């Protein structure tokens, strides 16, 4: 059974993915860091920026 922290982290990442702020792949890489509290502001910034960049590239293709 997953811990409450992991369940909450997964819900947060799923919602960010639904809102197209994170790609599912990038989001899954953040779950463990979010769960154990080691996620930094830079982690968020880089992954969200790269996800948005990927979305824009897909839109233009």
PDB file of N, CA and C in Angstrom:
ATOM      1  N   UNK A   1       0.834  -1.178   0.000  1.00  0.00           N
ATOM      2  CA  UNK A   1       0.000   0.000   0.000  1.00  0.00           C
ATOM      3  C   UNK A   1       0.886   1.251   0.000  1.00  0.00           C
ATOM      4  N   UNK A   2       0.500   2.239  -0.799  1.00  0.00           N
ATOM      5  CA  UNK A   2       1.272   3.471  -0.883  1.00  0.00           C
ATOM      6  C   UNK A   2       1.037   4.348   0.342  1.00  0.00           C
ATOM      7  N   UNK A   3       2.053   5.111   0.680  1.00  0.00           N
ATOM      8  CA  UNK A   3       1.927   6.030   1.813  1.00  0.00           C
ATOM      9  C   UNK A   3       1.020   7.198   1.428  1.00  0.00           C
ATOM     10  N   UNK A   4       0.444   7.853   2.422  1.00  0.00           N
ATOM     11  CA  UNK A   4      -0.378   9.030   2.132  1.00  0.00           C
ATOM     12  C   UNK A   4       0.413  10.111   1.381  1.00  0.00           C
ATOM     13  N   UNK A   5       1.683  10.262   1.708  1.00  0.00           N
ATOM     14  CA  UNK A   5       2.518  11.254   1.023  1.00  0.00           C
ATOM     15  C   UNK A   5       2.655  10.939  -0.455  1.00  0.00           C
ATOM     16  N   UNK A   6       2.864   9.671  -0.773  1.00  0.00           N
ATOM     17  CA  UNK A   6       2.995   9.268  -2.172  1.00  0.00           C
ATOM     18  C   UNK A   6       1.669   9.440  -2.910  1.00  0.00           C
ATOM     19  N   UNK A   7       0.559   9.106  -2.261  1.00  0.00           N
ATOM     20  CA  UNK A   7      -0.751   9.269  -2.884  1.00  0.00           C
ATOM     21  C   UNK A   7      -1.020  10.744  -3.198  1.00  0.00           C
ATOM     22  N   UNK A   8      -0.707  11.620  -2.242  1.00  0.00           N
ATOM     23  CA  UNK A   8      -0.902  13.046  -2.459  1.00  0.00           C
ATOM     24  C   UNK A   8       0.016  13.563  -3.566  1.00  0.00           C
ATOM     25  N   UNK A   9       1.265  13.161  -3.548  1.00  0.00           N
ATOM     26  CA  UNK A   9       2.214  13.577  -4.586  1.00  0.00           C
ATOM     27  C   UNK A   9       1.704  13.151  -5.961  1.00  0.00           C
ATOM     28  N   UNK A  10       1.192  11.946  -6.068  1.00  0.00           N
ATOM     29  CA  UNK A  10       0.686  11.452  -7.348  1.00  0.00           C
ATOM     30  C   UNK A  10      -0.516  12.272  -7.809  1.00  0.00           C
ATOM     31  N   UNK A  11      -1.394  12.632  -6.885  1.00  0.00           N
ATOM     32  CA  UNK A  11      -2.554  13.451  -7.241  1.00  0.00           C
ATOM     33  C   UNK A  11      -2.125  14.829  -7.745  1.00  0.00           C
ATOM     34  N   UNK A  12      -1.137  15.411  -7.093  1.00  0.00           N
ATOM     35  CA  UNK A  12      -0.639  16.726  -7.509  1.00  0.00           C
ATOM     36  C   UNK A  12      -0.053  16.647  -8.908  1.00  0.00           C
ATOM     37  N   UNK A  13       0.782  15.644  -9.144  1.00  0.00           N
ATOM     38  CA  UNK A  13       1.424  15.486 -10.449  1.00  0.00           C
ATOM     39  C   UNK A  13       0.386  15.184 -11.521  1.00  0.00           C
ATOM     40  N   UNK A  14      -0.588  14.343 -11.205  1.00  0.00           N
ATOM     41  CA  UNK A  14      -1.650  14.039 -12.175  1.00  0.00           C
ATOM     42  C   UNK A  14      -2.403  15.296 -12.571  1.00  0.00           C
ATOM     43  N   UNK A  15      -2.700  16.142 -11.598  1.00  0.00           N
ATOM     44  CA  UNK A  15      -3.444  17.377 -11.891  1.00  0.00           C
ATOM     45  C   UNK A  15      -2.613  18.327 -12.748  1.00  0.00           C
ATOM     46  N   UNK A  16      -1.334  18.446 -12.442  1.00  0.00           N
ATOM     47  CA  UNK A  16      -0.466  19.303 -13.248  1.00  0.00           C
ATOM     48  C   UNK A  16      -0.359  18.771 -14.674  1.00  0.00           C
ATOM     49  N   UNK A  17      -0.372  17.470 -14.821  1.00  0.00           N
ATOM     50  CA  UNK A  17      -0.351  16.862 -16.152  1.00  0.00           C
ATOM     51  C   UNK A  17      -1.660  17.137 -16.885  1.00  0.00           C
ATOM     52  N   UNK A  18      -2.784  17.031 -16.190  1.00  0.00           N
ATOM     53  CA  UNK A  18      -4.079  17.315 -16.797  1.00  0.00           C
ATOM     54  C   UNK A  18      -4.156  18.760 -17.285  1.00  0.00           C
ATOM     55  N   UNK A  19      -3.557  19.659 -16.542  1.00  0.00           N
ATOM     56  CA  UNK A  19      -3.573  21.077 -16.896  1.00  0.00           C
ATOM     57  C   UNK A  19      -2.490  21.425 -17.924  1.00  0.00           C
ATOM     58  N   UNK A  20      -1.778  20.407 -18.382  1.00  0.00           N
ATOM     59  CA  UNK A  20      -0.732  20.561 -19.395  1.00  0.00           C
ATOM     60  C   UNK A  20       0.449  21.403 -18.913  1.00  0.00           C
ATOM     61  N   UNK A  21       0.686  21.402 -17.602  1.00  0.00           N
ATOM     62  CA  UNK A  21       1.846  22.091 -17.053  1.00  0.00           C
ATOM     63  C   UNK A  21       3.053  21.172 -16.987  1.00  0.00           C
ATOM     64  N   UNK A  22       2.796  19.879 -16.943  1.00  0.00           N
ATOM     65  CA  UNK A  22       3.859  18.868 -16.936  1.00  0.00           C
ATOM     66  C   UNK A  22       3.475  17.759 -17.890  1.00  0.00           C
ATOM     67  N   UNK A  23       4.473  17.216 -18.563  1.00  0.00           N
ATOM     68  CA  UNK A  23       4.198  16.008 -19.333  1.00  0.00           C
ATOM     69  C   UNK A  23       4.128  14.853 -18.328  1.00  0.00           C
ATOM     70  N   UNK A  24       3.386  13.812 -18.633  1.00  0.00           N
ATOM     71  CA  UNK A  24       3.321  12.673 -17.698  1.00  0.00           C
ATOM     72  C   UNK A  24       4.703  12.098 -17.379  1.00  0.00           C
ATOM     73  N   UNK A  25       5.581  12.070 -18.371  1.00  0.00           N
ATOM     74  CA  UNK A  25       6.921  11.516 -18.150  1.00  0.00           C
ATOM     75  C   UNK A  25       7.697  12.362 -17.144  1.00  0.00           C
ATOM     76  N   UNK A  26       7.677  13.663 -17.339  1.00  0.00           N
ATOM     77  CA  UNK A  26       8.387  14.549 -16.419  1.00  0.00           C
ATOM     78  C   UNK A  26       7.739  14.521 -15.033  1.00  0.00           C
ATOM     79  N   UNK A  27       6.430  14.451 -15.000  1.00  0.00           N
ATOM     80  CA  UNK A  27       5.734  14.394 -13.725  1.00  0.00           C
ATOM     81  C   UNK A  27       6.118  13.183 -12.905  1.00  0.00           C
ATOM     82  N   UNK A  28       6.228  12.039 -13.556  1.00  0.00           N
ATOM     83  CA  UNK A  28       6.565  10.815 -12.828  1.00  0.00           C
ATOM     84  C   UNK A  28       7.963  10.896 -12.216  1.00  0.00           C
ATOM     85  N   UNK A  29       8.845  11.642 -12.861  1.00  0.00           N
ATOM     86  CA  UNK A  29      10.183  11.799 -12.294  1.00  0.00           C
ATOM     87  C   UNK A  29      10.167  12.646 -11.026  1.00  0.00           C
ATOM     88  N   UNK A  30       9.137  13.482 -10.877  1.00  0.00           N
ATOM     89  CA  UNK A  30       9.060  14.361  -9.714  1.00  0.00           C
ATOM     90  C   UNK A  30       8.352  13.731  -8.520  1.00  0.00           C
ATOM     91  N   UNK A  31       7.610  12.676  -8.731  1.00  0.00           N
ATOM     92  CA  UNK A  31       6.801  12.088  -7.649  1.00  0.00           C
ATOM     93  C   UNK A  31       7.652  11.707  -6.447  1.00  0.00           C
ATOM     94  N   UNK A  32       8.752  11.009  -6.649  1.00  0.00           N
ATOM     95  CA  UNK A  32       9.542  10.557  -5.498  1.00  0.00           C
ATOM     96  C   UNK A  32      10.171  11.733  -4.756  1.00  0.00           C
ATOM     97  N   UNK A  33      10.619  12.742  -5.495  1.00  0.00           N
ATOM     98  CA  UNK A  33      11.182  13.919  -4.833  1.00  0.00           C
ATOM     99  C   UNK A  33      10.115  14.672  -4.052  1.00  0.00           C
ATOM    100  N   UNK A  34       8.925  14.768  -4.619  1.00  0.00           N
ATOM    101  CA  UNK A  34       7.826  15.435  -3.932  1.00  0.00           C
ATOM    102  C   UNK A  34       7.427  14.651  -2.683  1.00  0.00           C
ATOM    103  N   UNK A  35       7.411  13.337  -2.795  1.00  0.00           N
ATOM    104  CA  UNK A  35       7.035  12.482  -1.667  1.00  0.00           C
ATOM    105  C   UNK A  35       7.998  12.624  -0.493  1.00  0.00           C
ATOM    106  N   UNK A  36       9.289  12.655  -0.786  1.00  0.00           N
ATOM    107  CA  UNK A  36      10.247  12.715   0.326  1.00  0.00           C
ATOM    108  C   UNK A  36      10.673  14.133   0.700  1.00  0.00           C
ATOM    109  N   UNK A  37      10.088  15.131   0.044  1.00  0.00           N
ATOM    110  CA  UNK A  37      10.351  16.516   0.420  1.00  0.00           C
ATOM    111  C   UNK A  37      11.639  17.100  -0.117  1.00  0.00           C
ATOM    112  N   UNK A  38      12.242  16.452  -1.105  1.00  0.00           N
ATOM    113  CA  UNK A  38      13.509  16.945  -1.626  1.00  0.00           C
ATOM    114  C   UNK A  38      13.366  17.743  -2.925  1.00  0.00           C
ATOM    115  N   UNK A  39      12.149  17.997  -3.345  1.00  0.00           N
ATOM    116  CA  UNK A  39      11.905  18.742  -4.570  1.00  0.00           C
ATOM    117  C   UNK A  39      12.226  20.215  -4.343  1.00  0.00           C
ATOM    118  N   UNK A  40      13.033  20.783  -5.219  1.00  0.00           N
ATOM    119  CA  UNK A  40      13.433  22.181  -5.076  1.00  0.00           C
ATOM    120  C   UNK A  40      12.647  23.061  -6.048  1.00  0.00           C
ATOM    121  N   UNK A  41      12.633  24.360  -5.810  1.00  0.00           N
ATOM    122  CA  UNK A  41      11.982  25.259  -6.765  1.00  0.00           C
ATOM    123  C   UNK A  41      12.570  25.125  -8.171  1.00  0.00           C
ATOM    124  N   UNK A  42      13.862  24.877  -8.242  1.00  0.00           N
ATOM    125  CA  UNK A  42      14.505  24.705  -9.543  1.00  0.00           C
ATOM    126  C   UNK A  42      13.994  23.472 -10.275  1.00  0.00           C
ATOM    127  N   UNK A  43      13.730  22.394  -9.528  1.00  0.00           N
ATOM    128  CA  UNK A  43      13.168  21.183 -10.136  1.00  0.00           C
ATOM    129  C   UNK A  43      11.830  21.497 -10.800  1.00  0.00           C
ATOM    130  N   UNK A  44      10.980  22.197 -10.058  1.00  0.00           N
ATOM    131  CA  UNK A  44       9.667  22.577 -10.605  1.00  0.00           C
ATOM    132  C   UNK A  44       9.849  23.417 -11.862  1.00  0.00           C
ATOM    133  N   UNK A  45      10.669  24.428 -11.747  1.00  0.00           N
ATOM    134  CA  UNK A  45      10.843  25.375 -12.848  1.00  0.00           C
ATOM    135  C   UNK A  45      11.351  24.679 -14.107  1.00  0.00           C
ATOM    136  N   UNK A  46      12.388  23.891 -13.966  1.00  0.00           N
ATOM    137  CA  UNK A  46      12.974  23.215 -15.131  1.00  0.00           C
ATOM    138  C   UNK A  46      11.971  22.265 -15.768  1.00  0.00           C
ATOM    139  N   UNK A  47      11.331  21.438 -14.973  1.00  0.00           N
ATOM    140  CA  UNK A  47      10.416  20.454 -15.549  1.00  0.00           C
ATOM    141  C   UNK A  47       9.172  21.088 -16.171  1.00  0.00           C
ATOM    142  N   UNK A  48       8.660  22.131 -15.551  1.00  0.00           N
ATOM    143  CA  UNK A  48       7.496  22.805 -16.135  1.00  0.00           C
ATOM    144  C   UNK A  48       7.896  23.528 -17.420  1.00  0.00           C
ATOM    145  N   UNK A  49       9.036  24.213 -17.417  1.00  0.00           N
ATOM    146  CA  UNK A  49       9.485  24.912 -18.631  1.00  0.00           C
ATOM    147  C   UNK A  49       9.738  23.928 -19.769  1.00  0.00           C
ATOM    148  N   UNK A  50      10.396  22.814 -19.475  1.00  0.00           N
ATOM    149  CA  UNK A  50      10.671  21.830 -20.520  1.00  0.00           C
ATOM    150  C   UNK A  50       9.390  21.176 -21.023  1.00  0.00           C
ATOM    151  N   UNK A  51       8.447  20.951 -20.139  1.00  0.00           N
ATOM    152  CA  UNK A  51       7.166  20.366 -20.548  1.00  0.00           C
ATOM    153  C   UNK A  51       6.401  21.319 -21.448  1.00  0.00           C
ATOM    154  N   UNK A  52       6.403  22.599 -21.097  1.00  0.00           N
ATOM    155  CA  UNK A  52       5.705  23.581 -21.922  1.00  0.00           C
ATOM    156  C   UNK A  52       6.385  23.736 -23.274  1.00  0.00           C
ATOM    157  N   UNK A  53       7.695  23.676 -23.271  1.00  0.00           N
ATOM    158  CA  UNK A  53       8.447  23.751 -24.522  1.00  0.00           C
ATOM    159  C   UNK A  53       8.092  22.576 -25.428  1.00  0.00           C
ATOM    160  N   UNK A  54       7.999  21.397 -24.851  1.00  0.00           N
ATOM    161  CA  UNK A  54       7.637  20.205 -25.624  1.00  0.00           C
ATOM    162  C   UNK A  54       6.224  20.339 -26.184  1.00  0.00           C
ATOM    163  N   UNK A  55       5.300  20.869 -25.365  1.00  0.00           N
ATOM    164  CA  UNK A  55       3.925  21.060 -25.824  1.00  0.00           C
ATOM    165  C   UNK A  55       3.870  22.036 -26.994  1.00  0.00           C
ATOM    166  N   UNK A  56       4.626  23.104 -26.921  1.00  0.00           N
ATOM    167  CA  UNK A  56       4.650  24.083 -28.004  1.00  0.00           C
ATOM    168  C   UNK A  56       5.214  23.472 -29.283  1.00  0.00           C
ATOM    169  N   UNK A  57       6.239  22.651 -29.147  1.00  0.00           N
ATOM    170  CA  UNK A  57       6.836  22.002 -30.314  1.00  0.00           C
ATOM    171  C   UNK A  57       5.837  21.051 -30.956  1.00  0.00           C
ATOM    172  N   UNK A  58       5.107  20.303 -30.139  1.00  0.00           N
ATOM    173  CA  UNK A  58       4.099  19.383 -30.676  1.00  0.00           C
ATOM    174  C   UNK A  58       2.979  20.155 -31.364  1.00  0.00           C
ATOM    175  N   UNK A  59       2.626  21.309 -30.830  1.00  0.00           N
ATOM    176  CA  UNK A  59       1.563  22.124 -31.406  1.00  0.00           C
ATOM    177  C   UNK A  59       1.960  22.637 -32.795  1.00  0.00           C
ATOM    178  N   UNK A  60       3.229  22.983 -32.958  1.00  0.00           N
ATOM    179  CA  UNK A  60       3.705  23.526 -34.221  1.00  0.00           C
ATOM    180  C   UNK A  60       4.032  22.468 -35.264  1.00  0.00           C
ATOM    181  N   UNK A  61       4.110  21.208 -34.857  1.00  0.00           N
ATOM    182  CA  UNK A  61       4.428  20.132 -35.826  1.00  0.00           C
ATOM    183  C   UNK A  61       3.243  19.715 -36.623  1.00  0.00           C
TER     184      UNK A  61
END
